[in-house]
């Protein structure tokens, strides 16, 4: 299953600048990092991954479009806002939020849940 999913990304998503993945296992992340798909992309995982459920949000972006040194995880700030709204059933790995700049210098953010 893991290899098939990597093949789908390589064949069907090779032109995408950003790909958001949910419920991703660490095994899949490791396989993806070794794939041809990852050759020109940065794969970002949450600092606080859920290794027990092993279902995490991941963001993959094309290095040609974004400054690979500029990305910074801001998940905790987003989680503070989400949890501030009342009871929340969002755990580690469920949300990944990053701040980054495109190669033109414009700042922005990406989030996966």
Protein backbone atom coordinates (compact mmCIF):
# COMPACT_ATOMS: atom_id res chain seq x y z
CA UNK A 1 0.00 0.00 0.00
CA UNK A 2 2.78 2.46 0.90
CA UNK A 3 4.64 1.98 -2.36
CA UNK A 4 1.43 2.28 -4.38
CA UNK A 5 0.59 5.60 -2.69
CA UNK A 6 4.11 6.91 -3.43
CA UNK A 7 3.66 5.86 -7.08
CA UNK A 8 0.35 7.75 -7.24
CA UNK A 9 2.05 10.91 -5.95
CA UNK A 10 4.87 10.51 -8.46
CA UNK A 11 2.56 9.94 -11.44
CA UNK A 12 -0.49 12.06 -10.66
CA UNK A 13 0.83 14.89 -8.49
CA UNK A 14 4.27 15.57 -9.98
CA UNK A 15 3.12 18.96 -11.33
CA UNK A 16 1.64 20.20 -8.03
CA UNK A 17 3.57 22.86 -6.10
CA UNK A 18 2.00 21.91 -2.75
CA UNK A 19 0.49 18.63 -1.57
CA UNK A 20 -1.34 18.26 1.75
CA UNK A 21 -1.46 14.75 3.21
CA UNK A 22 -3.53 13.58 6.18
CA UNK A 23 -3.42 10.47 8.36
CA UNK A 24 0.10 9.68 7.21
CA UNK A 25 2.20 7.02 8.93
CA UNK A 26 5.88 7.53 9.74
CA UNK A 27 6.60 4.56 7.47
CA UNK A 28 4.97 6.37 4.57
CA UNK A 29 6.94 9.55 5.34
CA UNK A 30 10.19 7.55 5.29
CA UNK A 31 9.27 5.89 1.98
CA UNK A 32 8.27 9.24 0.49
CA UNK A 33 11.56 10.85 1.52
CA UNK A 34 13.44 8.12 -0.39
CA UNK A 35 11.30 8.48 -3.53
CA UNK A 36 11.88 10.36 -6.78
CA UNK A 37 8.92 12.56 -5.80
CA UNK A 38 10.97 14.00 -2.93
CA UNK A 39 13.99 14.84 -5.08
CA UNK A 40 12.90 18.45 -5.65
CA UNK A 41 10.52 18.87 -2.72
CA UNK A 42 10.61 19.55 1.00
CA UNK A 43 8.57 17.22 3.20
CA UNK A 44 7.43 18.86 6.44
CA UNK A 45 6.12 16.82 9.37
CA UNK A 46 4.81 18.07 12.72
CA UNK A 47 7.31 18.47 15.54
CA UNK A 48 4.80 16.64 17.75
CA UNK A 49 3.91 13.59 15.70
CA UNK A 50 1.45 11.02 17.02
CA UNK A 51 3.48 7.81 16.95
CA UNK A 52 0.82 5.77 18.74
CA UNK A 53 -2.06 6.32 16.29
CA UNK A 54 0.56 6.95 13.56
CA UNK A 55 -1.74 9.31 11.66
CA UNK A 56 -0.19 12.68 10.98
CA UNK A 57 -0.65 15.68 8.71
CA UNK A 58 2.18 16.36 6.27
CA UNK A 59 2.90 19.22 3.87
CA UNK A 60 5.03 18.71 0.77
CA UNK A 61 6.16 21.71 -1.25
CA UNK A 62 8.21 22.14 -4.41
CA UNK A 63 11.61 23.72 -3.76
CA UNK A 64 11.43 25.60 -7.06
CA UNK A 65 8.48 27.62 -5.72
CA UNK A 66 9.37 28.16 -2.06
CA UNK A 67 12.45 29.13 -0.07
CA UNK A 68 13.38 25.85 1.60
CA UNK A 69 15.18 27.64 4.45
CA UNK A 70 12.28 29.92 5.30
CA UNK A 71 9.70 27.47 6.58
CA UNK A 72 8.89 27.54 10.26
CA UNK A 73 6.31 25.43 12.06
CA UNK A 74 3.58 27.47 13.77
CA UNK A 75 1.26 24.60 14.71
CA UNK A 76 1.25 25.47 18.43
CA UNK A 77 -0.10 28.97 17.70
CA UNK A 78 -2.85 27.52 15.53
CA UNK A 79 -3.69 24.91 18.18
CA UNK A 80 -3.98 27.66 20.81
CA UNK A 81 -6.63 29.35 18.66
CA UNK A 82 -8.48 26.08 17.98
CA UNK A 83 -8.48 25.05 21.65
CA UNK A 84 -9.50 28.56 22.70
CA UNK A 85 -12.88 27.95 21.09
CA UNK A 86 -13.82 25.29 23.65
CA UNK A 87 -13.48 21.51 23.92
CA UNK A 88 -11.35 20.19 21.11
CA UNK A 89 -10.61 16.66 20.00
CA UNK A 90 -7.51 17.55 18.03
CA UNK A 91 -4.37 15.68 19.01
CA UNK A 92 -0.68 15.72 18.19
CA UNK A 93 -0.09 15.27 14.47
CA UNK A 94 -3.65 16.17 13.48
CA UNK A 95 -2.70 19.71 12.45
CA UNK A 96 0.43 21.02 10.76
CA UNK A 97 0.82 24.73 10.11
CA UNK A 98 3.88 26.41 8.64
CA UNK A 99 4.93 29.92 7.73
CA UNK A 100 7.17 30.25 4.68
CA UNK A 101 8.24 32.52 1.83
CA UNK A 102 7.97 31.88 -1.85
CA UNK A 103 11.10 32.30 -3.95
CA UNK A 104 10.01 35.86 -4.72
CA UNK A 105 10.20 36.73 -1.01
CA UNK A 106 6.46 36.97 -0.31
CA UNK A 107 5.50 35.50 3.06
CA UNK A 108 2.53 33.22 3.60
CA UNK A 109 1.32 30.17 5.39
CA UNK A 110 0.12 26.65 4.75
CA UNK A 111 -1.90 24.38 7.01
CA UNK A 112 -2.98 20.76 6.81
CA UNK A 113 -5.58 19.07 8.97
